[in-house]
Amino acid sequence: PAFTGSEFFVENDDLRERFENFFSFLTNKDRGALMDKKE
């Protein structure tokens, strides 16, 4: 890959918890125009 380290992986419980905590800090403003399109 051009971006060394890019991959598909299965999240373990620790990673899922980190990922969910990370997203809990995001606001609609942080997610920008894509959030509007998603809605």
Full PDB file with SEQRES, HELIX, SHEET, SSBOND, CRYST1, ORIGX, SCALE, CONECT and MASTER records, all heavy atoms in Angstrom:
SEQRES   1 A   39  PRO ALA PHE THR GLY SER GLU PHE PHE VAL GLU ASN ASP          
SEQRES   2 A   39  ASP LEU ARG GLU ARG PHE GLU ASN PHE PHE SER PHE LEU          
SEQRES   3 A   39  THR ASN LYS ASP ARG GLY ALA LEU MET ASP LYS LYS GLU          
HELIX    1 AA1 ASP A   13  SER A   24  1                                  12    
HELIX    2 AA2 ASN A   28  LYS A   38  1                                  11    
CRYST1    1.000    1.000    1.000  90.00  90.00  90.00 P 1           1          
ORIGX1      1.000000  0.000000  0.000000        0.00000                         
ORIGX2      0.000000  1.000000  0.000000        0.00000                         
ORIGX3      0.000000  0.000000  1.000000        0.00000                         
SCALE1      1.000000  0.000000  0.000000        0.00000                         
SCALE2      0.000000  1.000000  0.000000        0.00000                         
SCALE3      0.000000  0.000000  1.000000        0.00000                         
ATOM      1  N   PRO A   1       0.836  -1.202   0.000  1.00  0.00           N  
ATOM      2  CA  PRO A   1       0.000   0.000   0.000  1.00  0.00           C  
ATOM      3  C   PRO A   1       0.871   1.253   0.000  1.00  0.00           C  
ATOM      4  O   PRO A   1       2.004   1.225   0.485  1.00  0.00           O  
ATOM      5  CB  PRO A   1      -0.777  -0.116   1.314  1.00  0.00           C  
ATOM      6  CG  PRO A   1       0.115  -0.905   2.207  1.00  0.00           C  
ATOM      7  CD  PRO A   1       0.874  -1.860   1.305  1.00  0.00           C  
ATOM      8  N   ALA A   2       0.345   2.343  -0.556  1.00  0.00           N  
ATOM      9  CA  ALA A   2       1.065   3.617  -0.510  1.00  0.00           C  
ATOM     10  C   ALA A   2       1.238   4.052   0.936  1.00  0.00           C  
ATOM     11  O   ALA A   2       2.278   4.584   1.319  1.00  0.00           O  
ATOM     12  CB  ALA A   2       0.314   4.680  -1.313  1.00  0.00           C  
ATOM     13  N   PHE A   3       0.212   3.826   1.754  1.00  0.00           N  
ATOM     14  CA  PHE A   3       0.252   4.187   3.170  1.00  0.00           C  
ATOM     15  C   PHE A   3       0.613   2.933   3.971  1.00  0.00           C  
ATOM     16  O   PHE A   3      -0.259   2.152   4.344  1.00  0.00           O  
ATOM     17  CB  PHE A   3      -1.095   4.765   3.624  1.00  0.00           C  
ATOM     18  CG  PHE A   3      -1.413   6.068   2.952  1.00  0.00           C  
ATOM     19  CD1 PHE A   3      -2.121   6.094   1.766  1.00  0.00           C  
ATOM     20  CD2 PHE A   3      -0.987   7.266   3.504  1.00  0.00           C  
ATOM     21  CE1 PHE A   3      -2.398   7.290   1.135  1.00  0.00           C  
ATOM     22  CE2 PHE A   3      -1.269   8.471   2.884  1.00  0.00           C  
ATOM     23  CZ  PHE A   3      -1.967   8.493   1.693  1.00  0.00           C  
ATOM     24  N   THR A   4       1.901   2.739   4.188  1.00  0.00           N  
ATOM     25  CA  THR A   4       2.385   1.562   4.899  1.00  0.00           C  
ATOM     26  C   THR A   4       1.703   1.455   6.257  1.00  0.00           C  
ATOM     27  O   THR A   4       1.700   2.403   7.029  1.00  0.00           O  
ATOM     28  CB  THR A   4       3.911   1.647   5.086  1.00  0.00           C  
ATOM     29  OG1 THR A   4       4.510   1.775   3.793  1.00  0.00           O  
ATOM     30  CG2 THR A   4       4.451   0.420   5.792  1.00  0.00           C  
ATOM     31  N   GLY A   5       1.087   0.299   6.504  1.00  0.00           N  
ATOM     32  CA  GLY A   5       0.376   0.076   7.761  1.00  0.00           C  
ATOM     33  C   GLY A   5      -1.132   0.101   7.605  1.00  0.00           C  
ATOM     34  O   GLY A   5      -1.854  -0.256   8.521  1.00  0.00           O  
ATOM     35  N   SER A   6      -1.608   0.516   6.428  1.00  0.00           N  
ATOM     36  CA  SER A   6      -3.066   0.519   6.224  1.00  0.00           C  
ATOM     37  C   SER A   6      -3.558  -0.920   6.160  1.00  0.00           C  
ATOM     38  O   SER A   6      -2.909  -1.782   5.579  1.00  0.00           O  
ATOM     39  CB  SER A   6      -3.431   1.268   4.944  1.00  0.00           C  
ATOM     40  OG  SER A   6      -2.899   0.607   3.813  1.00  0.00           O  
ATOM     41  N   GLU A   7      -4.712  -1.184   6.795  1.00  0.00           N  
ATOM     42  CA  GLU A   7      -5.208  -2.556   6.830  1.00  0.00           C  
ATOM     43  C   GLU A   7      -6.643  -2.614   7.340  1.00  0.00           C  
ATOM     44  O   GLU A   7      -7.147  -1.657   7.920  1.00  0.00           O  
ATOM     45  CB  GLU A   7      -4.336  -3.412   7.746  1.00  0.00           C  
ATOM     46  CG  GLU A   7      -4.453  -3.009   9.212  1.00  0.00           C  
ATOM     47  CD  GLU A   7      -3.716  -3.933  10.165  1.00  0.00           C  
ATOM     48  OE1 GLU A   7      -3.509  -5.112   9.833  1.00  0.00           O  
ATOM     49  OE2 GLU A   7      -3.364  -3.471  11.249  1.00  0.00           O  
ATOM     50  N   PHE A   8      -7.251  -3.762   7.115  1.00  0.00           N  
ATOM     51  CA  PHE A   8      -8.546  -4.088   7.698  1.00  0.00           C  
ATOM     52  C   PHE A   8      -8.260  -4.940   8.929  1.00  0.00           C  
ATOM     53  O   PHE A   8      -7.488  -5.881   8.853  1.00  0.00           O  
ATOM     54  CB  PHE A   8      -9.392  -4.922   6.725  1.00  0.00           C  
ATOM     55  CG  PHE A   8      -9.776  -4.176   5.478  1.00  0.00           C  
ATOM     56  CD1 PHE A   8      -9.006  -4.265   4.327  1.00  0.00           C  
ATOM     57  CD2 PHE A   8     -10.914  -3.394   5.448  1.00  0.00           C  
ATOM     58  CE1 PHE A   8      -9.366  -3.592   3.178  1.00  0.00           C  
ATOM     59  CE2 PHE A   8     -11.288  -2.714   4.303  1.00  0.00           C  
ATOM     60  CZ  PHE A   8     -10.511  -2.813   3.168  1.00  0.00           C  
ATOM     61  N   PHE A   9      -8.874  -4.618  10.054  1.00  0.00           N  
ATOM     62  CA  PHE A   9      -8.640  -5.422  11.243  1.00  0.00           C  
ATOM     63  C   PHE A   9      -9.906  -5.517  12.082  1.00  0.00           C  
ATOM     64  O   PHE A   9     -10.823  -4.716  11.937  1.00  0.00           O  
ATOM     65  CB  PHE A   9      -7.465  -4.882  12.074  1.00  0.00           C  
ATOM     66  CG  PHE A   9      -7.658  -3.491  12.617  1.00  0.00           C  
ATOM     67  CD1 PHE A   9      -8.166  -3.290  13.893  1.00  0.00           C  
ATOM     68  CD2 PHE A   9      -7.309  -2.389  11.859  1.00  0.00           C  
ATOM     69  CE1 PHE A   9      -8.324  -2.005  14.398  1.00  0.00           C  
ATOM     70  CE2 PHE A   9      -7.461  -1.099  12.364  1.00  0.00           C  
ATOM     71  CZ  PHE A   9      -7.979  -0.907  13.632  1.00  0.00           C  
ATOM     72  N   VAL A  10      -9.930  -6.518  12.935  1.00  0.00           N  
ATOM     73  CA  VAL A  10     -11.048  -6.703  13.855  1.00  0.00           C  
ATOM     74  C   VAL A  10     -10.658  -6.048  15.156  1.00  0.00           C  
ATOM     75  O   VAL A  10      -9.575  -6.276  15.678  1.00  0.00           O  
ATOM     76  CB  VAL A  10     -11.338  -8.203  14.091  1.00  0.00           C  
ATOM     77  CG1 VAL A  10     -12.434  -8.375  15.132  1.00  0.00           C  
ATOM     78  CG2 VAL A  10     -11.722  -8.885  12.797  1.00  0.00           C  
ATOM     79  N   GLU A  11     -11.548  -5.251  15.674  1.00  0.00           N  
ATOM     80  CA  GLU A  11     -11.268  -4.564  16.923  1.00  0.00           C  
ATOM     81  C   GLU A  11     -11.389  -5.533  18.092  1.00  0.00           C  
ATOM     82  O   GLU A  11     -12.313  -6.320  18.152  1.00  0.00           O  
ATOM     83  CB  GLU A  11     -12.263  -3.433  17.141  1.00  0.00           C  
ATOM     84  CG  GLU A  11     -12.167  -2.362  16.110  1.00  0.00           C  
ATOM     85  CD  GLU A  11     -13.206  -1.300  16.349  1.00  0.00           C  
ATOM     86  OE1 GLU A  11     -13.537  -1.041  17.505  1.00  0.00           O  
ATOM     87  OE2 GLU A  11     -13.684  -0.746  15.363  1.00  0.00           O  
ATOM     88  N   ASN A  12     -10.463  -5.419  19.019  1.00  0.00           N  
ATOM     89  CA  ASN A  12     -10.629  -6.151  20.273  1.00  0.00           C  
ATOM     90  C   ASN A  12     -11.375  -5.242  21.247  1.00  0.00           C  
ATOM     91  O   ASN A  12     -11.639  -4.088  20.949  1.00  0.00           O  
ATOM     92  CB  ASN A  12      -9.277  -6.616  20.826  1.00  0.00           C  
ATOM     93  CG  ASN A  12      -8.336  -5.453  21.102  1.00  0.00           C  
ATOM     94  OD1 ASN A  12      -8.757  -4.365  21.465  1.00  0.00           O  
ATOM     95  ND2 ASN A  12      -7.046  -5.690  20.906  1.00  0.00           N  
ATOM     96  N   ASP A  13     -11.714  -5.749  22.413  1.00  0.00           N  
ATOM     97  CA  ASP A  13     -12.503  -4.963  23.364  1.00  0.00           C  
ATOM     98  C   ASP A  13     -11.794  -3.688  23.782  1.00  0.00           C  
ATOM     99  O   ASP A  13     -12.406  -2.639  23.899  1.00  0.00           O  
ATOM    100  CB  ASP A  13     -12.841  -5.797  24.603  1.00  0.00           C  
ATOM    101  CG  ASP A  13     -13.841  -6.898  24.270  1.00  0.00           C  
ATOM    102  OD1 ASP A  13     -14.558  -6.758  23.266  1.00  0.00           O  
ATOM    103  OD2 ASP A  13     -13.885  -7.882  25.025  1.00  0.00           O  
ATOM    104  N   ASP A  14     -10.460  -3.753  24.019  1.00  0.00           N  
ATOM    105  CA  ASP A  14      -9.720  -2.556  24.409  1.00  0.00           C  
ATOM    106  C   ASP A  14      -9.770  -1.498  23.326  1.00  0.00           C  
ATOM    107  O   ASP A  14      -9.989  -0.321  23.597  1.00  0.00           O  
ATOM    108  CB  ASP A  14      -8.244  -2.885  24.683  1.00  0.00           C  
ATOM    109  CG  ASP A  14      -8.038  -3.564  26.020  1.00  0.00           C  
ATOM    110  OD1 ASP A  14      -8.984  -3.587  26.822  1.00  0.00           O  
ATOM    111  OD2 ASP A  14      -6.918  -4.060  26.249  1.00  0.00           O  
ATOM    112  N   LEU A  15      -9.548  -1.930  22.077  1.00  0.00           N  
ATOM    113  CA  LEU A  15      -9.557  -0.980  20.973  1.00  0.00           C  
ATOM    114  C   LEU A  15     -10.944  -0.396  20.779  1.00  0.00           C  
ATOM    115  O   LEU A  15     -11.105   0.801  20.569  1.00  0.00           O  
ATOM    116  CB  LEU A  15      -9.069  -1.647  19.688  1.00  0.00           C  
ATOM    117  CG  LEU A  15      -8.900  -0.725  18.492  1.00  0.00           C  
ATOM    118  CD1 LEU A  15      -7.979   0.441  18.828  1.00  0.00           C  
ATOM    119  CD2 LEU A  15      -8.355  -1.504  17.323  1.00  0.00           C  
ATOM    120  N   ARG A  16     -11.984  -1.241  20.887  1.00  0.00           N  
ATOM    121  CA  ARG A  16     -13.343  -0.727  20.732  1.00  0.00           C  
ATOM    122  C   ARG A  16     -13.631   0.322  21.808  1.00  0.00           C  
ATOM    123  O   ARG A  16     -14.197   1.358  21.522  1.00  0.00           O  
ATOM    124  CB  ARG A  16     -14.395  -1.837  20.817  1.00  0.00           C  
ATOM    125  CG  ARG A  16     -15.809  -1.235  20.858  1.00  0.00           C  
ATOM    126  CD  ARG A  16     -16.882  -2.108  20.329  1.00  0.00           C  
ATOM    127  NE  ARG A  16     -16.822  -2.415  18.950  1.00  0.00           N  
ATOM    128  CZ  ARG A  16     -17.181  -1.577  17.976  1.00  0.00           C  
ATOM    129  NH1 ARG A  16     -17.565  -0.363  18.227  1.00  0.00           N  
ATOM    130  NH2 ARG A  16     -17.138  -1.962  16.738  1.00  0.00           N  
ATOM    131  N   GLU A  17     -13.204   0.052  23.048  1.00  0.00           N  
ATOM    132  CA  GLU A  17     -13.443   1.012  24.127  1.00  0.00           C  
ATOM    133  C   GLU A  17     -12.703   2.321  23.843  1.00  0.00           C  
ATOM    134  O   GLU A  17     -13.255   3.402  23.995  1.00  0.00           O  
ATOM    135  CB  GLU A  17     -12.995   0.426  25.461  1.00  0.00           C  
ATOM    136  CG  GLU A  17     -13.320   1.329  26.642  1.00  0.00           C  
ATOM    137  CD  GLU A  17     -12.935   0.704  27.973  1.00  0.00           C  
ATOM    138  OE1 GLU A  17     -12.765  -0.533  28.021  1.00  0.00           O  
ATOM    139  OE2 GLU A  17     -12.797   1.471  28.934  1.00  0.00           O  
ATOM    140  N   ARG A  18     -11.430   2.230  23.414  1.00  0.00           N  
ATOM    141  CA  ARG A  18     -10.675   3.441  23.064  1.00  0.00           C  
ATOM    142  C   ARG A  18     -11.359   4.194  21.944  1.00  0.00           C  
ATOM    143  O   ARG A  18     -11.469   5.416  21.969  1.00  0.00           O  
ATOM    144  CB  ARG A  18      -9.258   3.065  22.606  1.00  0.00           C  
ATOM    145  CG  ARG A  18      -8.269   2.974  23.710  1.00  0.00           C  
ATOM    146  CD  ARG A  18      -6.846   2.776  23.230  1.00  0.00           C  
ATOM    147  NE  ARG A  18      -6.552   3.327  21.946  1.00  0.00           N  
ATOM    148  CZ  ARG A  18      -5.795   2.729  21.038  1.00  0.00           C  
ATOM    149  NH1 ARG A  18      -5.254   1.577  21.284  1.00  0.00           N  
ATOM    150  NH2 ARG A  18      -5.553   3.296  19.884  1.00  0.00           N  
ATOM    151  N   PHE A  19     -11.808   3.465  20.920  1.00  0.00           N  
ATOM    152  CA  PHE A  19     -12.462   4.061  19.759  1.00  0.00           C  
ATOM    153  C   PHE A  19     -13.743   4.762  20.187  1.00  0.00           C  
ATOM    154  O   PHE A  19     -14.008   5.893  19.790  1.00  0.00           O  
ATOM    155  CB  PHE A  19     -12.755   2.939  18.752  1.00  0.00           C  
ATOM    156  CG  PHE A  19     -12.785   3.381  17.326  1.00  0.00           C  
ATOM    157  CD1 PHE A  19     -11.652   3.896  16.714  1.00  0.00           C  
ATOM    158  CD2 PHE A  19     -13.943   3.274  16.590  1.00  0.00           C  
ATOM    159  CE1 PHE A  19     -11.678   4.287  15.393  1.00  0.00           C  
ATOM    160  CE2 PHE A  19     -13.985   3.659  15.269  1.00  0.00           C  
ATOM    161  CZ  PHE A  19     -12.844   4.172  14.671  1.00  0.00           C  
ATOM    162  N   GLU A  20     -14.565   4.099  21.011  1.00  0.00           N  
ATOM    163  CA  GLU A  20     -15.819   4.703  21.455  1.00  0.00           C  
ATOM    164  C   GLU A  20     -15.559   5.920  22.338  1.00  0.00           C  
ATOM    165  O   GLU A  20     -16.254   6.930  22.222  1.00  0.00           O  
ATOM    166  CB  GLU A  20     -16.682   3.668  22.184  1.00  0.00           C  
ATOM    167  CG  GLU A  20     -17.285   2.670  21.220  1.00  0.00           C  
ATOM    168  CD  GLU A  20     -18.031   1.537  21.890  1.00  0.00           C  
ATOM    169  OE1 GLU A  20     -18.008   1.438  23.137  1.00  0.00           O  
ATOM    170  OE2 GLU A  20     -18.634   0.729  21.152  1.00  0.00           O  
ATOM    171  N   ASN A  21     -14.538   5.865  23.200  1.00  0.00           N  
ATOM    172  CA  ASN A  21     -14.190   7.027  24.012  1.00  0.00           C  
ATOM    173  C   ASN A  21     -13.740   8.185  23.139  1.00  0.00           C  
ATOM    174  O   ASN A  21     -14.100   9.335  23.377  1.00  0.00           O  
ATOM    175  CB  ASN A  21     -13.094   6.684  25.023  1.00  0.00           C  
ATOM    176  CG  ASN A  21     -13.595   5.806  26.142  1.00  0.00           C  
ATOM    177  OD1 ASN A  21     -14.788   5.738  26.399  1.00  0.00           O  
ATOM    178  ND2 ASN A  21     -12.672   5.116  26.791  1.00  0.00           N  
ATOM    179  N   PHE A  22     -12.951   7.869  22.112  1.00  0.00           N  
ATOM    180  CA  PHE A  22     -12.479   8.899  21.186  1.00  0.00           C  
ATOM    181  C   PHE A  22     -13.662   9.604  20.529  1.00  0.00           C  
ATOM    182  O   PHE A  22     -13.724  10.827  20.482  1.00  0.00           O  
ATOM    183  CB  PHE A  22     -11.573   8.254  20.124  1.00  0.00           C  
ATOM    184  CG  PHE A  22     -11.216   9.162  18.984  1.00  0.00           C  
ATOM    185  CD1 PHE A  22     -10.336  10.223  19.173  1.00  0.00           C  
ATOM    186  CD2 PHE A  22     -11.748   8.948  17.726  1.00  0.00           C  
ATOM    187  CE1 PHE A  22     -10.002  11.051  18.115  1.00  0.00           C  
ATOM    188  CE2 PHE A  22     -11.422   9.773  16.667  1.00  0.00           C  
ATOM    189  CZ  PHE A  22     -10.539  10.823  16.863  1.00  0.00           C  
ATOM    190  N   PHE A  23     -14.632   8.827  20.046  1.00  0.00           N  
ATOM    191  CA  PHE A  23     -15.762   9.432  19.357  1.00  0.00           C  
ATOM    192  C   PHE A  23     -16.713  10.165  20.294  1.00  0.00           C  
ATOM    193  O   PHE A  23     -17.423  11.062  19.874  1.00  0.00           O  
ATOM    194  CB  PHE A  23     -16.511   8.392  18.521  1.00  0.00           C  
ATOM    195  CG  PHE A  23     -15.752   8.016  17.301  1.00  0.00           C  
ATOM    196  CD1 PHE A  23     -15.206   6.762  17.164  1.00  0.00           C  
ATOM    197  CD2 PHE A  23     -15.533   8.943  16.299  1.00  0.00           C  
ATOM    198  CE1 PHE A  23     -14.471   6.428  16.048  1.00  0.00           C  
ATOM    199  CE2 PHE A  23     -14.794   8.621  15.182  1.00  0.00           C  
ATOM    200  CZ  PHE A  23     -14.265   7.366  15.053  1.00  0.00           C  
ATOM    201  N   SER A  24     -16.706   9.815  21.568  1.00  0.00           N  
ATOM    202  CA  SER A  24     -17.581  10.513  22.505  1.00  0.00           C  
ATOM    203  C   SER A  24     -17.148  11.963  22.673  1.00  0.00           C  
ATOM    204  O   SER A  24     -17.946  12.812  23.056  1.00  0.00           O  
ATOM    205  CB  SER A  24     -17.622   9.794  23.855  1.00  0.00           C  
ATOM    206  OG  SER A  24     -16.402   9.953  24.533  1.00  0.00           O  
ATOM    207  N   PHE A  25     -15.875  12.275  22.375  1.00  0.00           N  
ATOM    208  CA  PHE A  25     -15.381  13.640  22.491  1.00  0.00           C  
ATOM    209  C   PHE A  25     -15.677  14.493  21.258  1.00  0.00           C  
ATOM    210  O   PHE A  25     -15.554  15.708  21.304  1.00  0.00           O  
ATOM    211  CB  PHE A  25     -13.871  13.653  22.757  1.00  0.00           C  
ATOM    212  CG  PHE A  25     -13.525  13.116  24.111  1.00  0.00           C  
ATOM    213  CD1 PHE A  25     -12.909  11.888  24.237  1.00  0.00           C  
ATOM    214  CD2 PHE A  25     -13.829  13.832  25.253  1.00  0.00           C  
ATOM    215  CE1 PHE A  25     -12.597  11.382  25.484  1.00  0.00           C  
ATOM    216  CE2 PHE A  25     -13.518  13.330  26.507  1.00  0.00           C  
ATOM    217  CZ  PHE A  25     -12.901  12.106  26.623  1.00  0.00           C  
ATOM    218  N   LEU A  26     -16.014  13.843  20.161  1.00  0.00           N  
ATOM    219  CA  LEU A  26     -16.286  14.608  18.950  1.00  0.00           C  
ATOM    220  C   LEU A  26     -17.622  15.328  19.063  1.00  0.00           C  
ATOM    221  O   LEU A  26     -18.570  14.821  19.644  1.00  0.00           O  
ATOM    222  CB  LEU A  26     -16.322  13.688  17.717  1.00  0.00           C  
ATOM    223  CG  LEU A  26     -14.996  13.024  17.363  1.00  0.00           C  
ATOM    224  CD1 LEU A  26     -15.186  12.107  16.164  1.00  0.00           C  
ATOM    225  CD2 LEU A  26     -13.932  14.050  17.064  1.00  0.00           C  
ATOM    226  N   THR A  27     -17.697  16.483  18.484  1.00  0.00           N  
ATOM    227  CA  THR A  27     -18.964  17.216  18.438  1.00  0.00           C  
ATOM    228  C   THR A  27     -19.440  17.263  17.004  1.00  0.00           C  
ATOM    229  O   THR A  27     -18.694  16.940  16.081  1.00  0.00           O  
ATOM    230  CB  THR A  27     -18.785  18.662  18.934  1.00  0.00           C  
ATOM    231  OG1 THR A  27     -17.905  19.327  18.022  1.00  0.00           O  
ATOM    232  CG2 THR A  27     -18.226  18.723  20.341  1.00  0.00           C  
ATOM    233  N   ASN A  28     -20.671  17.664  16.792  1.00  0.00           N  
ATOM    234  CA  ASN A  28     -21.179  17.797  15.417  1.00  0.00           C  
ATOM    235  C   ASN A  28     -20.301  18.742  14.616  1.00  0.00           C  
ATOM    236  O   ASN A  28     -20.056  18.517  13.433  1.00  0.00           O  
ATOM    237  CB  ASN A  28     -22.616  18.301  15.423  1.00  0.00           C  
ATOM    238  CG  ASN A  28     -23.584  17.239  15.871  1.00  0.00           C  
ATOM    239  OD1 ASN A  28     -23.223  16.068  15.991  1.00  0.00           O  
ATOM    240  ND2 ASN A  28     -24.808  17.631  16.132  1.00  0.00           N  
ATOM    241  N   LYS A  29     -19.811  19.785  15.255  1.00  0.00           N  
ATOM    242  CA  LYS A  29     -18.943  20.736  14.555  1.00  0.00           C  
ATOM    243  C   LYS A  29     -17.664  20.045  14.097  1.00  0.00           C  
ATOM    244  O   LYS A  29     -17.192  20.264  12.988  1.00  0.00           O  
ATOM    245  CB  LYS A  29     -18.606  21.899  15.475  1.00  0.00           C  
ATOM    246  CG  LYS A  29     -17.731  22.945  14.831  1.00  0.00           C  
ATOM    247  CD  LYS A  29     -17.501  24.119  15.781  1.00  0.00           C  
ATOM    248  CE  LYS A  29     -16.640  25.142  15.102  1.00  0.00           C  
ATOM    249  NZ  LYS A  29     -15.311  25.209  15.603  1.00  0.00           N  
ATOM    250  N   ASP A  30     -17.077  19.202  14.959  1.00  0.00           N  
ATOM    251  CA  ASP A  30     -15.845  18.508  14.614  1.00  0.00           C  
ATOM    252  C   ASP A  30     -16.025  17.563  13.439  1.00  0.00           C  
ATOM    253  O   ASP A  30     -15.118  17.341  12.673  1.00  0.00           O  
ATOM    254  CB  ASP A  30     -15.309  17.696  15.792  1.00  0.00           C  
ATOM    255  CG  ASP A  30     -14.814  18.569  16.912  1.00  0.00           C  
ATOM    256  OD1 ASP A  30     -14.369  19.697  16.627  1.00  0.00           O  
ATOM    257  OD2 ASP A  30     -14.891  18.129  18.072  1.00  0.00           O  
ATOM    258  N   ARG A  31     -17.212  16.994  13.318  1.00  0.00           N  
ATOM    259  CA  ARG A  31     -17.435  16.017  12.249  1.00  0.00           C  
ATOM    260  C   ARG A  31     -17.805  16.701  10.954  1.00  0.00           C  
ATOM    261  O   ARG A  31     -17.867  16.079   9.921  1.00  0.00           O  
ATOM    262  CB  ARG A  31     -18.509  15.023  12.671  1.00  0.00           C  
ATOM    263  CG  ARG A  31     -17.917  14.193  13.819  1.00  0.00           C  
ATOM    264  CD  ARG A  31     -18.606  13.007  14.156  1.00  0.00           C  
ATOM    265  NE  ARG A  31     -18.581  11.993  13.152  1.00  0.00           N  
ATOM    266  CZ  ARG A  31     -19.162  10.832  13.337  1.00  0.00           C  
ATOM    267  NH1 ARG A  31     -19.754  10.571  14.465  1.00  0.00           N  
ATOM    268  NH2 ARG A  31     -19.157   9.939  12.395  1.00  0.00           N  
ATOM    269  N   GLY A  32     -18.080  18.006  10.992  1.00  0.00           N  
ATOM    270  CA  GLY A  32     -18.231  18.819   9.788  1.00  0.00           C  
ATOM    271  C   GLY A  32     -19.393  18.436   8.908  1.00  0.00           C  
ATOM    272  O   GLY A  32     -20.412  17.925   9.341  1.00  0.00           O  
ATOM    273  N   ALA A  33     -19.193  18.705   7.622  1.00  0.00           N  
ATOM    274  CA  ALA A  33     -20.266  18.570   6.641  1.00  0.00           C  
ATOM    275  C   ALA A  33     -20.743  17.140   6.496  1.00  0.00           C  
ATOM    276  O   ALA A  33     -21.890  16.907   6.137  1.00  0.00           O  
ATOM    277  CB  ALA A  33     -19.802  19.100   5.287  1.00  0.00           C  
ATOM    278  N   LEU A  34     -19.874  16.161   6.772  1.00  0.00           N  
ATOM    279  CA  LEU A  34     -20.293  14.771   6.613  1.00  0.00           C  
ATOM    280  C   LEU A  34     -21.414  14.429   7.574  1.00  0.00           C  
ATOM    281  O   LEU A  34     -22.341  13.717   7.226  1.00  0.00           O  
ATOM    282  CB  LEU A  34     -19.112  13.825   6.829  1.00  0.00           C  
ATOM    283  CG  LEU A  34     -19.403  12.364   6.579  1.00  0.00           C  
ATOM    284  CD1 LEU A  34     -19.985  12.162   5.189  1.00  0.00           C  
ATOM    285  CD2 LEU A  34     -18.160  11.547   6.731  1.00  0.00           C  
ATOM    286  N   MET A  35     -21.374  14.969   8.781  1.00  0.00           N  
ATOM    287  CA  MET A  35     -22.438  14.711   9.749  1.00  0.00           C  
ATOM    288  C   MET A  35     -23.775  15.192   9.181  1.00  0.00           C  
ATOM    289  O   MET A  35     -24.779  14.511   9.288  1.00  0.00           O  
ATOM    290  CB  MET A  35     -22.140  15.417  11.074  1.00  0.00           C  
ATOM    291  CG  MET A  35     -23.237  15.235  12.106  1.00  0.00           C  
ATOM    292  SD  MET A  35     -23.509  13.527  12.549  1.00  0.00           S  
ATOM    293  CE  MET A  35     -22.199  13.307  13.712  1.00  0.00           C  
ATOM    294  N   ASP A  36     -23.757  16.361   8.566  1.00  0.00           N  
ATOM    295  CA  ASP A  36     -24.990  16.884   7.984  1.00  0.00           C  
ATOM    296  C   ASP A  36     -25.525  15.938   6.907  1.00  0.00           C  
ATOM    297  O   ASP A  36     -26.694  15.638   6.827  1.00  0.00           O  
ATOM    298  CB  ASP A  36     -24.781  18.271   7.401  1.00  0.00           C  
ATOM    299  CG  ASP A  36     -24.384  19.276   8.468  1.00  0.00           C  
ATOM    300  OD1 ASP A  36     -24.749  19.063   9.645  1.00  0.00           O  
ATOM    301  OD2 ASP A  36     -23.712  20.255   8.118  1.00  0.00           O  
ATOM    302  N   LYS A  37     -24.626  15.437   6.048  1.00  0.00           N  
ATOM    303  CA  LYS A  37     -25.031  14.514   4.993  1.00  0.00           C  
ATOM    304  C   LYS A  37     -25.555  13.221   5.583  1.00  0.00           C  
ATOM    305  O   LYS A  37     -26.530  12.650   5.113  1.00  0.00           O  
ATOM    306  CB  LYS A  37     -23.844  14.191   4.080  1.00  0.00           C  
ATOM    307  CG  LYS A  37     -23.464  15.332   3.170  1.00  0.00           C  
ATOM    308  CD  LYS A  37     -22.282  14.924   2.314  1.00  0.00           C  
ATOM    309  CE  LYS A  37     -21.731  16.104   1.564  1.00  0.00           C  
ATOM    310  NZ  LYS A  37     -20.509  15.809   0.866  1.00  0.00           N  
ATOM    311  N   LYS A  38     -24.912  12.741   6.653  1.00  0.00           N  
ATOM    312  CA  LYS A  38     -25.364  11.504   7.276  1.00  0.00           C  
ATOM    313  C   LYS A  38     -26.778  11.647   7.814  1.00  0.00           C  
ATOM    314  O   LYS A  38     -27.585  10.750   7.696  1.00  0.00           O  
ATOM    315  CB  LYS A  38     -24.432  11.133   8.432  1.00  0.00           C  
ATOM    316  CG  LYS A  38     -23.098  10.592   8.000  1.00  0.00           C  
ATOM    317  CD  LYS A  38     -22.228  10.544   9.217  1.00  0.00           C  
ATOM    318  CE  LYS A  38     -21.544   9.232   9.366  1.00  0.00           C  
ATOM    319  NZ  LYS A  38     -20.724   9.182  10.554  1.00  0.00           N  
ATOM    320  N   GLU A  39     -27.076  12.795   8.411  1.00  0.00           N  
ATOM    321  CA  GLU A  39     -28.404  13.001   8.954  1.00  0.00           C  
ATOM    322  C   GLU A  39     -29.445  13.037   7.847  1.00  0.00           C  
ATOM    323  O   GLU A  39     -30.557  12.559   7.994  1.00  0.00           O  
ATOM    324  CB  GLU A  39     -28.434  14.295   9.775  1.00  0.00           C  
ATOM    325  CG  GLU A  39     -27.651  14.150  11.073  1.00  0.00           C  
ATOM    326  CD  GLU A  39     -27.412  15.473  11.779  1.00  0.00           C  
ATOM    327  OE1 GLU A  39     -27.820  16.521  11.248  1.00  0.00           O  
ATOM    328  OE2 GLU A  39     -26.816  15.446  12.866  1.00  0.00           O  
TER     329      GLU A  39                                                      
MASTER        0    0    0    2    0    0    0    6  328    1    0    3          
END                                                                             
